[in-house]
C-alpha atoms as a PDB file:
ATOM      1  CA  MET A   1     -42.086 -55.470   0.780  1.00  0.00           C
ATOM      2  CA  SER A   2     -38.726 -55.723  -0.851  1.00  0.00           C
ATOM      3  CA  VAL A   3     -36.779 -53.936  -3.544  1.00  0.00           C
ATOM      4  CA  ILE A   4     -37.018 -55.422  -7.047  1.00  0.00           C
ATOM      5  CA  ARG A   5     -35.451 -54.655 -10.403  1.00  0.00           C
ATOM      6  CA  VAL A   6     -38.125 -53.309 -12.735  1.00  0.00           C
ATOM      7  CA  ASP A   7     -35.850 -53.161 -15.791  1.00  0.00           C
ATOM      8  CA  LEU A   8     -32.135 -54.029 -15.771  1.00  0.00           C
ATOM      9  CA  ASN A   9     -31.662 -52.211 -19.077  1.00  0.00           C
ATOM     10  CA  LYS A  10     -32.593 -48.939 -17.351  1.00  0.00           C
ATOM     11  CA  CYS A  11     -29.743 -49.329 -14.845  1.00  0.00           C
ATOM     12  CA  ILE A  12     -27.153 -46.710 -15.838  1.00  0.00           C
ATOM     13  CA  GLY A  13     -24.460 -47.917 -13.422  1.00  0.00           C
ATOM     14  CA  CYS A  14     -24.512 -44.801 -11.237  1.00  0.00           C
ATOM     15  CA  GLU A  15     -23.874 -46.916  -8.082  1.00  0.00           C
ATOM     16  CA  ASN A  16     -26.315 -44.781  -6.061  1.00  0.00           C
ATOM     17  CA  CYS A  17     -28.337 -47.756  -4.814  1.00  0.00           C
ATOM     18  CA  TRP A  18     -25.177 -49.589  -3.802  1.00  0.00           C
ATOM     19  CA  ASN A  19     -23.774 -46.562  -1.972  1.00  0.00           C
ATOM     20  CA  ILE A  20     -26.988 -45.392  -0.279  1.00  0.00           C
ATOM     21  CA  CYS A  21     -28.420 -48.725   0.954  1.00  0.00           C
ATOM     22  CA  PRO A  22     -28.087 -48.924   4.764  1.00  0.00           C
ATOM     23  CA  MET A  23     -28.726 -52.690   4.773  1.00  0.00           C
ATOM     24  CA  ASP A  24     -26.084 -53.748   2.204  1.00  0.00           C
ATOM     25  CA  VAL A  25     -28.670 -55.253  -0.168  1.00  0.00           C
ATOM     26  CA  PHE A  26     -26.762 -54.411  -3.360  1.00  0.00           C
ATOM     27  CA  ARG A  27     -23.505 -55.459  -4.966  1.00  0.00           C
ATOM     28  CA  PHE A  28     -21.995 -53.807  -8.014  1.00  0.00           C
ATOM     29  CA  ASP A  29     -20.821 -55.751 -11.068  1.00  0.00           C
ATOM     30  CA  TYR A  30     -17.999 -53.649 -12.494  1.00  0.00           C
ATOM     31  CA  LYS A  31     -17.723 -55.865 -15.565  1.00  0.00           C
ATOM     32  CA  GLU A  32     -21.357 -55.301 -16.569  1.00  0.00           C
ATOM     33  CA  LYS A  33     -21.534 -51.842 -14.924  1.00  0.00           C
ATOM     34  CA  LYS A  34     -24.819 -52.730 -13.249  1.00  0.00           C
ATOM     35  CA  SER A  35     -25.957 -53.053  -9.663  1.00  0.00           C
ATOM     36  CA  ILE A  36     -27.107 -56.448  -8.420  1.00  0.00           C
ATOM     37  CA  ILE A  37     -29.787 -57.074  -5.814  1.00  0.00           C
ATOM     38  CA  ALA A  38     -27.703 -59.627  -3.947  1.00  0.00           C
ATOM     39  CA  TYR A  39     -29.482 -59.793  -0.581  1.00  0.00           C
ATOM     40  CA  PRO A  40     -33.166 -58.850  -1.003  1.00  0.00           C
ATOM     41  CA  GLU A  41     -33.968 -60.521   2.315  1.00  0.00           C
ATOM     42  CA  ASN A  42     -32.032 -57.722   4.062  1.00  0.00           C
ATOM     43  CA  CYS A  43     -34.236 -55.012   2.528  1.00  0.00           C
ATOM     44  CA  GLN A  44     -36.062 -52.934   5.141  1.00  0.00           C
ATOM     45  CA  SER A  45     -38.158 -51.067   2.528  1.00  0.00           C
ATOM     46  CA  CYS A  46     -36.715 -47.668   3.433  1.00  0.00           C
ATOM     47  CA  GLY A  47     -36.962 -46.613  -0.228  1.00  0.00           C
ATOM     48  CA  GLN A  48     -33.584 -44.850  -0.374  1.00  0.00           C
ATOM     49  CA  CYS A  49     -32.385 -46.939  -3.322  1.00  0.00           C
ATOM     50  CA  TYR A  50     -35.621 -46.241  -5.191  1.00  0.00           C
ATOM     51  CA  LEU A  51     -35.447 -42.486  -4.539  1.00  0.00           C
ATOM     52  CA  HIS A  52     -31.802 -42.223  -5.621  1.00  0.00           C
ATOM     53  CA  CYS A  53     -32.020 -44.493  -8.699  1.00  0.00           C
ATOM     54  CA  MET A  54     -31.153 -42.180 -11.584  1.00  0.00           C
ATOM     55  CA  GLY A  55     -32.161 -44.770 -14.205  1.00  0.00           C
ATOM     56  CA  HIS A  56     -35.531 -45.535 -12.558  1.00  0.00           C
ATOM     57  CA  SER A  57     -34.803 -49.261 -12.725  1.00  0.00           C
ATOM     58  CA  LEU A  58     -35.938 -50.169  -9.185  1.00  0.00           C
ATOM     59  CA  GLY A  59     -39.312 -50.781  -7.591  1.00  0.00           C
ATOM     60  CA  PHE A  60     -40.888 -52.629  -4.687  1.00  0.00           C
ATOM     61  CA  SER A  61     -42.666 -55.970  -4.648  1.00  0.00           C
ATOM     62  CA  ASP A  62     -45.838 -56.647  -2.707  1.00  0.00           C
ATOM     63  CA  GLU A  63     -44.424 -59.906  -1.420  1.00  0.00           C
ATOM     64  CA  SER A  64     -42.108 -60.238   1.524  1.00  0.00           C
ATOM     65  CA  THR A  65     -38.784 -61.974   0.925  1.00  0.00           C
ATOM     66  CA  SER A  66     -37.959 -62.388   4.585  1.00  0.00           C
ATOM     67  CA  TYR A  67     -37.600 -65.843   6.017  1.00  0.00           C
ATOM     68  CA  ALA A  68     -40.233 -67.300   8.279  1.00  0.00           C
ATOM     69  CA  ILE A  69     -39.309 -67.980  11.889  1.00  0.00           C
ATOM     70  CA  THR A  70     -39.920 -71.617  12.679  1.00  0.00           C
ATOM     71  CA  SER A  71     -40.216 -73.435  15.982  1.00  0.00           C
ATOM     72  CA  VAL A  72     -38.308 -76.461  14.691  1.00  0.00           C
ATOM     73  CA  ARG A  73     -35.052 -77.101  16.515  1.00  0.00           C
END
């Protein structure tokens, strides 16, 4: 599972997700005053961003965004 943006319009620019994320998944766009899910592949599904999102704009996908390990060298 990975964090997703349910509705960007609900993002109030509180920066909670950006500040609380232990895996540095988010970036903050100060021009637009919105958080950006910049590195969803780093998401460990801890749910901290979701719990602290004051605008309720985040959710979780059922699909994994991690990269497959291959045996190709």
